[in-house]
Every structure is written in C-alpha cells, then in structure tokens.
Amino acid sequence: MDGEVRVVLGFHPAVAPVKVSVFPLVKNKVEIMALSKRIYEQLQLRYTCDFDTSGAIGRRYRRADEIGTPFCITVDFESLEDESVTVRFRDSMTQTRMKISELFPFFSKEIDGFIW
C-alpha cells in the first residue's frame, strides 16, 4: 500500500447508493457464511446492501470505498462466539466491534439520522 492512491467516493451515508457491505472473512466456513447472509438479509430489509466474498478483505474494503459505501461489516470467527462483528468506517478507515443486535439502531442513527 506504500504510495498507493486510495480512491473513495465520499457520499453522505443518507445518499450513498450502497449503504452497507457485508463481508464474511472466509467463504469456506459454513457457519460464517450463514451468519453473514442472515445479517445481510436483515439489513437489506431497510438499506441497500452488498454481499462480497471475492478476494482478500483489504481488496473488498477498497472496492466498497470506490463505490462510496460508508460502512462495511466483517463477520469473522469471533462473531460465531460472541455475536459481534467488525464495522469499518469508510472515511476514517477505523474499525469497531459491535453486537449484531446493535447494528440496526447504529445504522438508523448514522444513515437515517434518528435513534430507535
């Protein structure tokens, strides 16, 4: 990544064409794929979402940045144990662990501007 230019579409979350991308860390673990699909299907009821299993996680983040997706969710091995996922913020590239049950209220605040 040294010297590599990061391409980002800086849409406000409310107008971003894709609001959230869901990434299973690995696609060969049935439990991770099932949990990822469940999260994706739940969020898709309210938001335009993307589901991506292709390539390394860093490449998936870069693809999401390029189309302006403000939030990415990574489902990993820990997610199976503690019902938490990693949420990555496009603009700052920071990441935080969050309970799956907190995702809807979080995105409601960040994207829609109100708290459940």
PDB file of N, CA and C in Angstrom:
ATOM      1  N   MET A   1       0.814  -1.192   0.000  1.00  0.00           N
ATOM      2  CA  MET A   1       0.000   0.000   0.000  1.00  0.00           C
ATOM      3  C   MET A   1       0.859   1.259   0.000  1.00  0.00           C
ATOM      4  N   ASP A   2       2.172   1.116   0.114  1.00  0.00           N
ATOM      5  CA  ASP A   2       3.046   2.287   0.098  1.00  0.00           C
ATOM      6  C   ASP A   2       2.915   3.011  -1.227  1.00  0.00           C
ATOM      7  N   GLY A   3       2.538   4.287  -1.159  1.00  0.00           N
ATOM      8  CA  GLY A   3       2.414   5.095  -2.348  1.00  0.00           C
ATOM      9  C   GLY A   3       1.157   4.853  -3.155  1.00  0.00           C
ATOM     10  N   GLU A   4       0.350   3.911  -2.743  1.00  0.00           N
ATOM     11  CA  GLU A   4      -0.880   3.604  -3.464  1.00  0.00           C
ATOM     12  C   GLU A   4      -1.931   4.666  -3.155  1.00  0.00           C
ATOM     13  N   VAL A   5      -2.623   5.112  -4.188  1.00  0.00           N
ATOM     14  CA  VAL A   5      -3.664   6.112  -4.031  1.00  0.00           C
ATOM     15  C   VAL A   5      -4.970   5.414  -3.679  1.00  0.00           C
ATOM     16  N   ARG A   6      -5.643   5.912  -2.657  1.00  0.00           N
ATOM     17  CA  ARG A   6      -6.919   5.358  -2.222  1.00  0.00           C
ATOM     18  C   ARG A   6      -8.043   6.137  -2.903  1.00  0.00           C
ATOM     19  N   VAL A   7      -8.869   5.430  -3.666  1.00  0.00           N
ATOM     20  CA  VAL A   7      -9.978   6.053  -4.375  1.00  0.00           C
ATOM     21  C   VAL A   7     -11.235   5.889  -3.528  1.00  0.00           C
ATOM     22  N   VAL A   8     -11.855   7.021  -3.189  1.00  0.00           N
ATOM     23  CA  VAL A   8     -13.035   6.995  -2.325  1.00  0.00           C
ATOM     24  C   VAL A   8     -14.078   7.957  -2.873  1.00  0.00           C
ATOM     25  N   LEU A   9     -15.316   7.480  -2.985  1.00  0.00           N
ATOM     26  CA  LEU A   9     -16.430   8.375  -3.254  1.00  0.00           C
ATOM     27  C   LEU A   9     -16.995   8.759  -1.903  1.00  0.00           C
ATOM     28  N   GLY A  10     -16.992  10.018  -1.580  1.00  0.00           N
ATOM     29  CA  GLY A  10     -17.348  10.487  -0.239  1.00  0.00           C
ATOM     30  C   GLY A  10     -18.807  10.847  -0.064  1.00  0.00           C
ATOM     31  N   PHE A  11     -19.714   9.981  -0.490  1.00  0.00           N
ATOM     32  CA  PHE A  11     -21.136  10.241  -0.300  1.00  0.00           C
ATOM     33  C   PHE A  11     -21.495  10.330   1.176  1.00  0.00           C
ATOM     34  N   HIS A  12     -22.420  11.215   1.512  1.00  0.00           N
ATOM     35  CA  HIS A  12     -23.021  11.179   2.845  1.00  0.00           C
ATOM     36  C   HIS A  12     -23.770   9.848   2.930  1.00  0.00           C
ATOM     37  N   PRO A  13     -23.760   9.191   4.090  1.00  0.00           N
ATOM     38  CA  PRO A  13     -24.432   7.893   4.202  1.00  0.00           C
ATOM     39  C   PRO A  13     -25.892   7.887   3.731  1.00  0.00           C
ATOM     40  N   ALA A  14     -26.605   8.994   3.893  1.00  0.00           N
ATOM     41  CA  ALA A  14     -28.016   9.035   3.501  1.00  0.00           C
ATOM     42  C   ALA A  14     -28.208   8.941   1.987  1.00  0.00           C
ATOM     43  N   VAL A  15     -27.218   9.377   1.201  1.00  0.00           N
ATOM     44  CA  VAL A  15     -27.368   9.364  -0.253  1.00  0.00           C
ATOM     45  C   VAL A  15     -26.449   8.356  -0.952  1.00  0.00           C
ATOM     46  N   ALA A  16     -25.654   7.633  -0.203  1.00  0.00           N
ATOM     47  CA  ALA A  16     -24.782   6.625  -0.803  1.00  0.00           C
ATOM     48  C   ALA A  16     -25.634   5.557  -1.491  1.00  0.00           C
ATOM     49  N   PRO A  17     -25.266   5.161  -2.710  1.00  0.00           N
ATOM     50  CA  PRO A  17     -26.060   4.142  -3.413  1.00  0.00           C
ATOM     51  C   PRO A  17     -26.097   2.813  -2.671  1.00  0.00           C
ATOM     52  N   VAL A  18     -24.985   2.427  -2.067  1.00  0.00           N
ATOM     53  CA  VAL A  18     -24.917   1.229  -1.235  1.00  0.00           C
ATOM     54  C   VAL A  18     -24.554   1.702   0.165  1.00  0.00           C
ATOM     55  N   LYS A  19     -25.394   1.378   1.134  1.00  0.00           N
ATOM     56  CA  LYS A  19     -25.187   1.885   2.497  1.00  0.00           C
ATOM     57  C   LYS A  19     -24.219   1.017   3.299  1.00  0.00           C
ATOM     58  N   VAL A  20     -24.331  -0.313   3.128  1.00  0.00           N
ATOM     59  CA  VAL A  20     -23.560  -1.247   3.952  1.00  0.00           C
ATOM     60  C   VAL A  20     -23.115  -2.420   3.083  1.00  0.00           C
ATOM     61  N   SER A  21     -21.856  -2.830   3.247  1.00  0.00           N
ATOM     62  CA  SER A  21     -21.371  -4.060   2.628  1.00  0.00           C
ATOM     63  C   SER A  21     -21.107  -5.069   3.734  1.00  0.00           C
ATOM     64  N   VAL A  22     -21.471  -6.308   3.467  1.00  0.00           N
ATOM     65  CA  VAL A  22     -21.253  -7.387   4.432  1.00  0.00           C
ATOM     66  C   VAL A  22     -20.220  -8.341   3.845  1.00  0.00           C
ATOM     67  N   PHE A  23     -19.169  -8.584   4.624  1.00  0.00           N
ATOM     68  CA  PHE A  23     -18.070  -9.433   4.184  1.00  0.00           C
ATOM     69  C   PHE A  23     -17.851 -10.594   5.155  1.00  0.00           C
ATOM     70  N   PRO A  24     -18.126 -11.822   4.747  1.00  0.00           N
ATOM     71  CA  PRO A  24     -17.664 -12.951   5.562  1.00  0.00           C
ATOM     72  C   PRO A  24     -16.140 -13.026   5.421  1.00  0.00           C
ATOM     73  N   LEU A  25     -15.435 -13.200   6.516  1.00  0.00           N
ATOM     74  CA  LEU A  25     -13.976 -13.234   6.465  1.00  0.00           C
ATOM     75  C   LEU A  25     -13.484 -14.356   5.554  1.00  0.00           C
ATOM     76  N   VAL A  26     -14.135 -15.507   5.639  1.00  0.00           N
ATOM     77  CA  VAL A  26     -13.804 -16.654   4.783  1.00  0.00           C
ATOM     78  C   VAL A  26     -15.097 -17.212   4.196  1.00  0.00           C
ATOM     79  N   LYS A  27     -15.003 -17.773   3.014  1.00  0.00           N
ATOM     80  CA  LYS A  27     -16.208 -18.320   2.395  1.00  0.00           C
ATOM     81  C   LYS A  27     -16.287 -19.838   2.484  1.00  0.00           C
ATOM     82  N   ASN A  28     -15.277 -20.475   3.076  1.00  0.00           N
ATOM     83  CA  ASN A  28     -15.291 -21.933   3.186  1.00  0.00           C
ATOM     84  C   ASN A  28     -15.738 -22.428   4.566  1.00  0.00           C
ATOM     85  N   LYS A  29     -16.249 -21.529   5.399  1.00  0.00           N
ATOM     86  CA  LYS A  29     -16.754 -21.897   6.729  1.00  0.00           C
ATOM     87  C   LYS A  29     -18.267 -21.659   6.713  1.00  0.00           C
ATOM     88  N   VAL A  30     -19.024 -22.738   6.732  1.00  0.00           N
ATOM     89  CA  VAL A  30     -20.480 -22.686   6.581  1.00  0.00           C
ATOM     90  C   VAL A  30     -21.126 -21.763   7.609  1.00  0.00           C
ATOM     91  N   GLU A  31     -20.673 -21.825   8.849  1.00  0.00           N
ATOM     92  CA  GLU A  31     -21.281 -21.024   9.913  1.00  0.00           C
ATOM     93  C   GLU A  31     -21.067 -19.523   9.696  1.00  0.00           C
ATOM     94  N   ILE A  32     -19.879 -19.149   9.230  1.00  0.00           N
ATOM     95  CA  ILE A  32     -19.595 -17.735   8.960  1.00  0.00           C
ATOM     96  C   ILE A  32     -20.437 -17.250   7.787  1.00  0.00           C
ATOM     97  N   MET A  33     -20.542 -18.069   6.753  1.00  0.00           N
ATOM     98  CA  MET A  33     -21.362 -17.698   5.598  1.00  0.00           C
ATOM     99  C   MET A  33     -22.835 -17.550   5.998  1.00  0.00           C
ATOM    100  N   ALA A  34     -23.342 -18.465   6.812  1.00  0.00           N
ATOM    101  CA  ALA A  34     -24.750 -18.417   7.226  1.00  0.00           C
ATOM    102  C   ALA A  34     -25.035 -17.170   8.066  1.00  0.00           C
ATOM    103  N   LEU A  35     -24.160 -16.860   9.008  1.00  0.00           N
ATOM    104  CA  LEU A  35     -24.346 -15.669   9.843  1.00  0.00           C
ATOM    105  C   LEU A  35     -24.250 -14.403   8.985  1.00  0.00           C
ATOM    106  N   SER A  36     -23.306 -14.374   8.067  1.00  0.00           N
ATOM    107  CA  SER A  36     -23.151 -13.221   7.173  1.00  0.00           C
ATOM    108  C   SER A  36     -24.407 -13.011   6.339  1.00  0.00           C
ATOM    109  N   LYS A  37     -24.938 -14.081   5.783  1.00  0.00           N
ATOM    110  CA  LYS A  37     -26.152 -13.989   4.969  1.00  0.00           C
ATOM    111  C   LYS A  37     -27.331 -13.508   5.809  1.00  0.00           C
ATOM    112  N   ARG A  38     -27.423 -13.994   7.041  1.00  0.00           N
ATOM    113  CA  ARG A  38     -28.517 -13.568   7.934  1.00  0.00           C
ATOM    114  C   ARG A  38     -28.448 -12.060   8.191  1.00  0.00           C
ATOM    115  N   ILE A  39     -27.254 -11.555   8.490  1.00  0.00           N
ATOM    116  CA  ILE A  39     -27.065 -10.118   8.726  1.00  0.00           C
ATOM    117  C   ILE A  39     -27.410  -9.339   7.463  1.00  0.00           C
ATOM    118  N   TYR A  40     -26.903  -9.793   6.336  1.00  0.00           N
ATOM    119  CA  TYR A  40     -27.172  -9.134   5.051  1.00  0.00           C
ATOM    120  C   TYR A  40     -28.674  -9.083   4.766  1.00  0.00           C
ATOM    121  N   GLU A  41     -29.355 -10.184   4.927  1.00  0.00           N
ATOM    122  CA  GLU A  41     -30.794 -10.237   4.634  1.00  0.00           C
ATOM    123  C   GLU A  41     -31.596  -9.347   5.579  1.00  0.00           C
ATOM    124  N   GLN A  42     -31.207  -9.269   6.840  1.00  0.00           N
ATOM    125  CA  GLN A  42     -31.897  -8.390   7.789  1.00  0.00           C
ATOM    126  C   GLN A  42     -31.685  -6.919   7.434  1.00  0.00           C
ATOM    127  N   LEU A  43     -30.444  -6.537   7.153  1.00  0.00           N
ATOM    128  CA  LEU A  43     -30.159  -5.139   6.824  1.00  0.00           C
ATOM    129  C   LEU A  43     -30.781  -4.737   5.492  1.00  0.00           C
ATOM    130  N   GLN A  44     -30.864  -5.683   4.581  1.00  0.00           N
ATOM    131  CA  GLN A  44     -31.403  -5.406   3.259  1.00  0.00           C
ATOM    132  C   GLN A  44     -32.898  -5.052   3.305  1.00  0.00           C
ATOM    133  N   LEU A  45     -33.559  -5.398   4.389  1.00  0.00           N
ATOM    134  CA  LEU A  45     -34.963  -5.026   4.541  1.00  0.00           C
ATOM    135  C   LEU A  45     -35.129  -3.508   4.607  1.00  0.00           C
ATOM    136  N   ARG A  46     -34.094  -2.806   5.050  1.00  0.00           N
ATOM    137  CA  ARG A  46     -34.171  -1.345   5.192  1.00  0.00           C
ATOM    138  C   ARG A  46     -33.172  -0.593   4.310  1.00  0.00           C
ATOM    139  N   TYR A  47     -32.012  -1.178   4.072  1.00  0.00           N
ATOM    140  CA  TYR A  47     -30.927  -0.475   3.383  1.00  0.00           C
ATOM    141  C   TYR A  47     -30.472  -1.237   2.137  1.00  0.00           C
ATOM    142  N   THR A  48     -29.926  -0.483   1.186  1.00  0.00           N
ATOM    143  CA  THR A  48     -29.294  -1.108   0.033  1.00  0.00           C
ATOM    144  C   THR A  48     -27.943  -1.639   0.494  1.00  0.00           C
ATOM    145  N   CYS A  49     -27.766  -2.941   0.359  1.00  0.00           N
ATOM    146  CA  CYS A  49     -26.565  -3.597   0.868  1.00  0.00           C
ATOM    147  C   CYS A  49     -25.868  -4.380  -0.234  1.00  0.00           C
ATOM    148  N   ASP A  50     -24.621  -4.697   0.036  1.00  0.00           N
ATOM    149  CA  ASP A  50     -23.813  -5.514  -0.855  1.00  0.00           C
ATOM    150  C   ASP A  50     -23.266  -6.676  -0.041  1.00  0.00           C
ATOM    151  N   PHE A  51     -23.103  -7.816  -0.694  1.00  0.00           N
ATOM    152  CA  PHE A  51     -22.536  -9.002  -0.064  1.00  0.00           C
ATOM    153  C   PHE A  51     -21.375  -9.442  -0.945  1.00  0.00           C
ATOM    154  N   ASP A  52     -20.167  -9.480  -0.384  1.00  0.00           N
ATOM    155  CA  ASP A  52     -18.978  -9.749  -1.191  1.00  0.00           C
ATOM    156  C   ASP A  52     -18.099 -10.790  -0.507  1.00  0.00           C
ATOM    157  N   THR A  53     -17.757 -11.834  -1.254  1.00  0.00           N
ATOM    158  CA  THR A  53     -16.871 -12.877  -0.739  1.00  0.00           C
ATOM    159  C   THR A  53     -15.608 -13.012  -1.582  1.00  0.00           C
ATOM    160  N   SER A  54     -15.446 -12.135  -2.563  1.00  0.00           N
ATOM    161  CA  SER A  54     -14.395 -12.289  -3.554  1.00  0.00           C
ATOM    162  C   SER A  54     -13.111 -11.555  -3.163  1.00  0.00           C
ATOM    163  N   GLY A  55     -12.032 -12.298  -3.008  1.00  0.00           N
ATOM    164  CA  GLY A  55     -10.724 -11.699  -2.754  1.00  0.00           C
ATOM    165  C   GLY A  55     -10.442 -11.447  -1.282  1.00  0.00           C
ATOM    166  N   ALA A  56      -9.274 -10.895  -1.040  1.00  0.00           N
ATOM    167  CA  ALA A  56      -8.838 -10.580   0.326  1.00  0.00           C
ATOM    168  C   ALA A  56      -9.699  -9.454   0.891  1.00  0.00           C
ATOM    169  N   ILE A  57      -9.794  -9.415   2.204  1.00  0.00           N
ATOM    170  CA  ILE A  57     -10.651  -8.432   2.875  1.00  0.00           C
ATOM    171  C   ILE A  57     -10.239  -6.997   2.530  1.00  0.00           C
ATOM    172  N   GLY A  58      -8.954  -6.732   2.411  1.00  0.00           N
ATOM    173  CA  GLY A  58      -8.485  -5.389   2.046  1.00  0.00           C
ATOM    174  C   GLY A  58      -8.971  -4.970   0.670  1.00  0.00           C
ATOM    175  N   ARG A  59      -8.972  -5.888  -0.264  1.00  0.00           N
ATOM    176  CA  ARG A  59      -9.473  -5.589  -1.619  1.00  0.00           C
ATOM    177  C   ARG A  59     -10.972  -5.311  -1.586  1.00  0.00           C
ATOM    178  N   ARG A  60     -11.691  -6.053  -0.756  1.00  0.00           N
ATOM    179  CA  ARG A  60     -13.136  -5.822  -0.639  1.00  0.00           C
ATOM    180  C   ARG A  60     -13.406  -4.435  -0.052  1.00  0.00           C
ATOM    181  N   TYR A  61     -12.618  -4.050   0.946  1.00  0.00           N
ATOM    182  CA  TYR A  61     -12.755  -2.705   1.514  1.00  0.00           C
ATOM    183  C   TYR A  61     -12.517  -1.650   0.433  1.00  0.00           C
ATOM    184  N   ARG A  62     -11.474  -1.833  -0.366  1.00  0.00           N
ATOM    185  CA  ARG A  62     -11.160  -0.855  -1.409  1.00  0.00           C
ATOM    186  C   ARG A  62     -12.278  -0.766  -2.454  1.00  0.00           C
ATOM    187  N   ARG A  63     -12.849  -1.904  -2.828  1.00  0.00           N
ATOM    188  CA  ARG A  63     -13.957  -1.871  -3.793  1.00  0.00           C
ATOM    189  C   ARG A  63     -15.153  -1.121  -3.216  1.00  0.00           C
ATOM    190  N   ALA A  64     -15.438  -1.360  -1.939  1.00  0.00           N
ATOM    191  CA  ALA A  64     -16.555  -0.663  -1.285  1.00  0.00           C
ATOM    192  C   ALA A  64     -16.274   0.839  -1.213  1.00  0.00           C
ATOM    193  N   ASP A  65     -15.039   1.219  -0.898  1.00  0.00           N
ATOM    194  CA  ASP A  65     -14.653   2.639  -0.860  1.00  0.00           C
ATOM    195  C   ASP A  65     -14.865   3.295  -2.226  1.00  0.00           C
ATOM    196  N   GLU A  66     -14.506   2.580  -3.277  1.00  0.00           N
ATOM    197  CA  GLU A  66     -14.584   3.132  -4.631  1.00  0.00           C
ATOM    198  C   GLU A  66     -16.017   3.442  -5.058  1.00  0.00           C
ATOM    199  N   ILE A  67     -16.985   2.700  -4.529  1.00  0.00           N
ATOM    200  CA  ILE A  67     -18.382   2.972  -4.898  1.00  0.00           C
ATOM    201  C   ILE A  67     -19.095   3.814  -3.841  1.00  0.00           C
ATOM    202  N   GLY A  68     -18.364   4.229  -2.807  1.00  0.00           N
ATOM    203  CA  GLY A  68     -18.915   5.152  -1.821  1.00  0.00           C
ATOM    204  C   GLY A  68     -19.664   4.524  -0.667  1.00  0.00           C
ATOM    205  N   THR A  69     -19.498   3.229  -0.445  1.00  0.00           N
ATOM    206  CA  THR A  69     -20.183   2.550   0.661  1.00  0.00           C
ATOM    207  C   THR A  69     -19.618   3.047   1.990  1.00  0.00           C
ATOM    208  N   PRO A  70     -20.454   3.671   2.848  1.00  0.00           N
ATOM    209  CA  PRO A  70     -19.922   4.271   4.075  1.00  0.00           C
ATOM    210  C   PRO A  70     -19.545   3.280   5.173  1.00  0.00           C
ATOM    211  N   PHE A  71     -20.161   2.073   5.164  1.00  0.00           N
ATOM    212  CA  PHE A  71     -19.912   1.115   6.248  1.00  0.00           C
ATOM    213  C   PHE A  71     -19.719  -0.290   5.691  1.00  0.00           C
ATOM    214  N   CYS A  72     -18.750  -0.991   6.257  1.00  0.00           N
ATOM    215  CA  CYS A  72     -18.535  -2.397   5.923  1.00  0.00           C
ATOM    216  C   CYS A  72     -18.592  -3.216   7.207  1.00  0.00           C
ATOM    217  N   ILE A  73     -19.225  -4.360   7.115  1.00  0.00           N
ATOM    218  CA  ILE A  73     -19.317  -5.284   8.244  1.00  0.00           C
ATOM    219  C   ILE A  73     -18.516  -6.523   7.900  1.00  0.00           C
ATOM    220  N   THR A  74     -17.598  -6.910   8.778  1.00  0.00           N
ATOM    221  CA  THR A  74     -16.847  -8.145   8.599  1.00  0.00           C
ATOM    222  C   THR A  74     -17.292  -9.149   9.653  1.00  0.00           C
ATOM    223  N   VAL A  75     -17.690 -10.317   9.177  1.00  0.00           N
ATOM    224  CA  VAL A  75     -18.098 -11.417  10.053  1.00  0.00           C
ATOM    225  C   VAL A  75     -16.928 -12.390  10.106  1.00  0.00           C
ATOM    226  N   ASP A  76     -16.435 -12.662  11.326  1.00  0.00           N
ATOM    227  CA  ASP A  76     -15.245 -13.492  11.484  1.00  0.00           C
ATOM    228  C   ASP A  76     -15.498 -14.635  12.466  1.00  0.00           C
ATOM    229  N   PHE A  77     -14.453 -15.339  12.817  1.00  0.00           N
ATOM    230  CA  PHE A  77     -14.580 -16.486  13.717  1.00  0.00           C
ATOM    231  C   PHE A  77     -15.092 -16.074  15.090  1.00  0.00           C
ATOM    232  N   GLU A  78     -14.663 -14.904  15.573  1.00  0.00           N
ATOM    233  CA  GLU A  78     -15.142 -14.399  16.861  1.00  0.00           C
ATOM    234  C   GLU A  78     -16.649 -14.147  16.839  1.00  0.00           C
ATOM    235  N   SER A  79     -17.154 -13.762  15.688  1.00  0.00           N
ATOM    236  CA  SER A  79     -18.589 -13.461  15.551  1.00  0.00           C
ATOM    237  C   SER A  79     -19.441 -14.667  15.938  1.00  0.00           C
ATOM    238  N   LEU A  80     -18.945 -15.848  15.651  1.00  0.00           N
ATOM    239  CA  LEU A  80     -19.680 -17.066  15.970  1.00  0.00           C
ATOM    240  C   LEU A  80     -19.763 -17.285  17.475  1.00  0.00           C
ATOM    241  N   GLU A  81     -18.774 -16.778  18.205  1.00  0.00           N
ATOM    242  CA  GLU A  81     -18.717 -16.971  19.652  1.00  0.00           C
ATOM    243  C   GLU A  81     -19.432 -15.869  20.418  1.00  0.00           C
ATOM    244  N   ASP A  82     -19.279 -14.607  19.965  1.00  0.00           N
ATOM    245  CA  ASP A  82     -19.781 -13.501  20.783  1.00  0.00           C
ATOM    246  C   ASP A  82     -20.887 -12.663  20.126  1.00  0.00           C
ATOM    247  N   GLU A  83     -21.367 -13.102  18.942  1.00  0.00           N
ATOM    248  CA  GLU A  83     -22.446 -12.373  18.244  1.00  0.00           C
ATOM    249  C   GLU A  83     -22.078 -10.909  18.004  1.00  0.00           C
ATOM    250  N   SER A  84     -20.788 -10.661  17.739  1.00  0.00           N
ATOM    251  CA  SER A  84     -20.300  -9.321  17.405  1.00  0.00           C
ATOM    252  C   SER A  84     -19.654  -9.358  16.037  1.00  0.00           C
ATOM    253  N   VAL A  85     -19.609  -8.206  15.386  1.00  0.00           N
ATOM    254  CA  VAL A  85     -18.965  -8.078  14.084  1.00  0.00           C
ATOM    255  C   VAL A  85     -18.061  -6.849  14.114  1.00  0.00           C
ATOM    256  N   THR A  86     -17.216  -6.731  13.119  1.00  0.00           N
ATOM    257  CA  THR A  86     -16.381  -5.550  12.979  1.00  0.00           C
ATOM    258  C   THR A  86     -17.047  -4.612  11.981  1.00  0.00           C
ATOM    259  N   VAL A  87     -17.252  -3.368  12.383  1.00  0.00           N
ATOM    260  CA  VAL A  87     -17.803  -2.349  11.496  1.00  0.00           C
ATOM    261  C   VAL A  87     -16.670  -1.405  11.136  1.00  0.00           C
ATOM    262  N   ARG A  88     -16.461  -1.229   9.839  1.00  0.00           N
ATOM    263  CA  ARG A  88     -15.408  -0.336   9.333  1.00  0.00           C
ATOM    264  C   ARG A  88     -16.054   0.914   8.744  1.00  0.00           C
ATOM    265  N   PHE A  89     -15.490   2.057   9.085  1.00  0.00           N
ATOM    266  CA  PHE A  89     -15.980   3.343   8.615  1.00  0.00           C
ATOM    267  C   PHE A  89     -15.154   3.779   7.405  1.00  0.00           C
ATOM    268  N   ARG A  90     -15.806   4.051   6.298  1.00  0.00           N
ATOM    269  CA  ARG A  90     -15.124   4.410   5.056  1.00  0.00           C
ATOM    270  C   ARG A  90     -14.204   5.614   5.212  1.00  0.00           C
ATOM    271  N   ASP A  91     -14.710   6.694   5.779  1.00  0.00           N
ATOM    272  CA  ASP A  91     -13.964   7.954   5.776  1.00  0.00           C
ATOM    273  C   ASP A  91     -12.715   7.919   6.647  1.00  0.00           C
ATOM    274  N   SER A  92     -12.796   7.304   7.803  1.00  0.00           N
ATOM    275  CA  SER A  92     -11.648   7.272   8.712  1.00  0.00           C
ATOM    276  C   SER A  92     -10.875   5.957   8.643  1.00  0.00           C
ATOM    277  N   MET A  93     -11.478   4.946   8.037  1.00  0.00           N
ATOM    278  CA  MET A  93     -10.930   3.591   7.969  1.00  0.00           C
ATOM    279  C   MET A  93     -10.772   2.960   9.356  1.00  0.00           C
ATOM    280  N   THR A  94     -11.390   3.558  10.378  1.00  0.00           N
ATOM    281  CA  THR A  94     -11.344   2.967  11.712  1.00  0.00           C
ATOM    282  C   THR A  94     -12.334   1.811  11.763  1.00  0.00           C
ATOM    283  N   GLN A  95     -12.084   0.931  12.711  1.00  0.00           N
ATOM    284  CA  GLN A  95     -12.933  -0.242  12.884  1.00  0.00           C
ATOM    285  C   GLN A  95     -13.324  -0.368  14.341  1.00  0.00           C
ATOM    286  N   THR A  96     -14.537  -0.883  14.553  1.00  0.00           N
ATOM    287  CA  THR A  96     -15.001  -1.118  15.912  1.00  0.00           C
ATOM    288  C   THR A  96     -15.806  -2.402  15.951  1.00  0.00           C
ATOM    289  N   ARG A  97     -15.733  -3.088  17.088  1.00  0.00           N
ATOM    290  CA  ARG A  97     -16.551  -4.292  17.283  1.00  0.00           C
ATOM    291  C   ARG A  97     -17.902  -3.849  17.808  1.00  0.00           C
ATOM    292  N   MET A  98     -18.942  -4.508  17.311  1.00  0.00           N
ATOM    293  CA  MET A  98     -20.303  -4.149  17.688  1.00  0.00           C
ATOM    294  C   MET A  98     -21.161  -5.414  17.721  1.00  0.00           C
ATOM    295  N   LYS A  99     -22.057  -5.475  18.686  1.00  0.00           N
ATOM    296  CA  LYS A  99     -23.002  -6.581  18.754  1.00  0.00           C
ATOM    297  C   LYS A  99     -23.923  -6.534  17.535  1.00  0.00           C
ATOM    298  N   ILE A 100     -24.275  -7.679  17.014  1.00  0.00           N
ATOM    299  CA  ILE A 100     -25.183  -7.746  15.870  1.00  0.00           C
ATOM    300  C   ILE A 100     -26.508  -7.081  16.211  1.00  0.00           C
ATOM    301  N   SER A 101     -26.952  -7.239  17.431  1.00  0.00           N
ATOM    302  CA  SER A 101     -28.220  -6.633  17.857  1.00  0.00           C
ATOM    303  C   SER A 101     -28.175  -5.105  17.863  1.00  0.00           C
ATOM    304  N   GLU A 102     -26.988  -4.506  17.837  1.00  0.00           N
ATOM    305  CA  GLU A 102     -26.841  -3.051  17.836  1.00  0.00           C
ATOM    306  C   GLU A 102     -26.741  -2.456  16.427  1.00  0.00           C
ATOM    307  N   LEU A 103     -26.682  -3.294  15.405  1.00  0.00           N
ATOM    308  CA  LEU A 103     -26.466  -2.796  14.051  1.00  0.00           C
ATOM    309  C   LEU A 103     -27.608  -1.906  13.562  1.00  0.00           C
ATOM    310  N   PHE A 104     -28.855  -2.363  13.704  1.00  0.00           N
ATOM    311  CA  PHE A 104     -29.981  -1.561  13.215  1.00  0.00           C
ATOM    312  C   PHE A 104     -30.055  -0.203  13.899  1.00  0.00           C
ATOM    313  N   PRO A 105     -30.003  -0.130  15.231  1.00  0.00           N
ATOM    314  CA  PRO A 105     -30.017   1.206  15.860  1.00  0.00           C
ATOM    315  C   PRO A 105     -28.833   2.078  15.431  1.00  0.00           C
ATOM    316  N   PHE A 106     -27.652   1.477  15.286  1.00  0.00           N
ATOM    317  CA  PHE A 106     -26.472   2.228  14.858  1.00  0.00           C
ATOM    318  C   PHE A 106     -26.667   2.800  13.463  1.00  0.00           C
ATOM    319  N   PHE A 107     -27.068   1.965  12.506  1.00  0.00           N
ATOM    320  CA  PHE A 107     -27.248   2.438  11.134  1.00  0.00           C
ATOM    321  C   PHE A 107     -28.423   3.400  11.024  1.00  0.00           C
ATOM    322  N   SER A 108     -29.435   3.204  11.825  1.00  0.00           N
ATOM    323  CA  SER A 108     -30.556   4.121  11.831  1.00  0.00           C
ATOM    324  C   SER A 108     -30.088   5.531  12.193  1.00  0.00           C
ATOM    325  N   LYS A 109     -29.225   5.605  13.182  1.00  0.00           N
ATOM    326  CA  LYS A 109     -28.678   6.914  13.608  1.00  0.00           C
ATOM    327  C   LYS A 109     -27.731   7.479  12.554  1.00  0.00           C
ATOM    328  N   GLU A 110     -26.816   6.649  12.070  1.00  0.00           N
ATOM    329  CA  GLU A 110     -25.766   7.116  11.155  1.00  0.00           C
ATOM    330  C   GLU A 110     -26.286   7.417   9.749  1.00  0.00           C
ATOM    331  N   ILE A 111     -27.257   6.648   9.279  1.00  0.00           N
ATOM    332  CA  ILE A 111     -27.743   6.809   7.916  1.00  0.00           C
ATOM    333  C   ILE A 111     -29.008   7.656   7.874  1.00  0.00           C
ATOM    334  N   ASP A 112     -29.965   7.327   8.732  1.00  0.00           N
ATOM    335  CA  ASP A 112     -31.265   7.997   8.704  1.00  0.00           C
ATOM    336  C   ASP A 112     -31.320   9.233   9.588  1.00  0.00           C
ATOM    337  N   GLY A 113     -30.398   9.319  10.560  1.00  0.00           N
ATOM    338  CA  GLY A 113     -30.348  10.486  11.426  1.00  0.00           C
ATOM    339  C   GLY A 113     -31.275  10.443  12.617  1.00  0.00           C
ATOM    340  N   PHE A 114     -31.786   9.263  12.934  1.00  0.00           N
ATOM    341  CA  PHE A 114     -32.600   9.184  14.152  1.00  0.00           C
ATOM    342  C   PHE A 114     -32.298   7.912  14.913  1.00  0.00           C
ATOM    343  N   ILE A 115     -32.654   7.932  16.192  1.00  0.00           N
ATOM    344  CA  ILE A 115     -32.377   6.815  17.092  1.00  0.00           C
ATOM    345  C   ILE A 115     -33.661   6.051  17.318  1.00  0.00           C
ATOM    346  N   TRP A 116     -33.574   4.748  17.287  1.00  0.00           N
ATOM    347  CA  TRP A 116     -34.733   3.885  17.544  1.00  0.00           C
ATOM    348  C   TRP A 116     -35.139   3.968  18.975  1.00  0.00           C
TER     349      TRP A 116
END
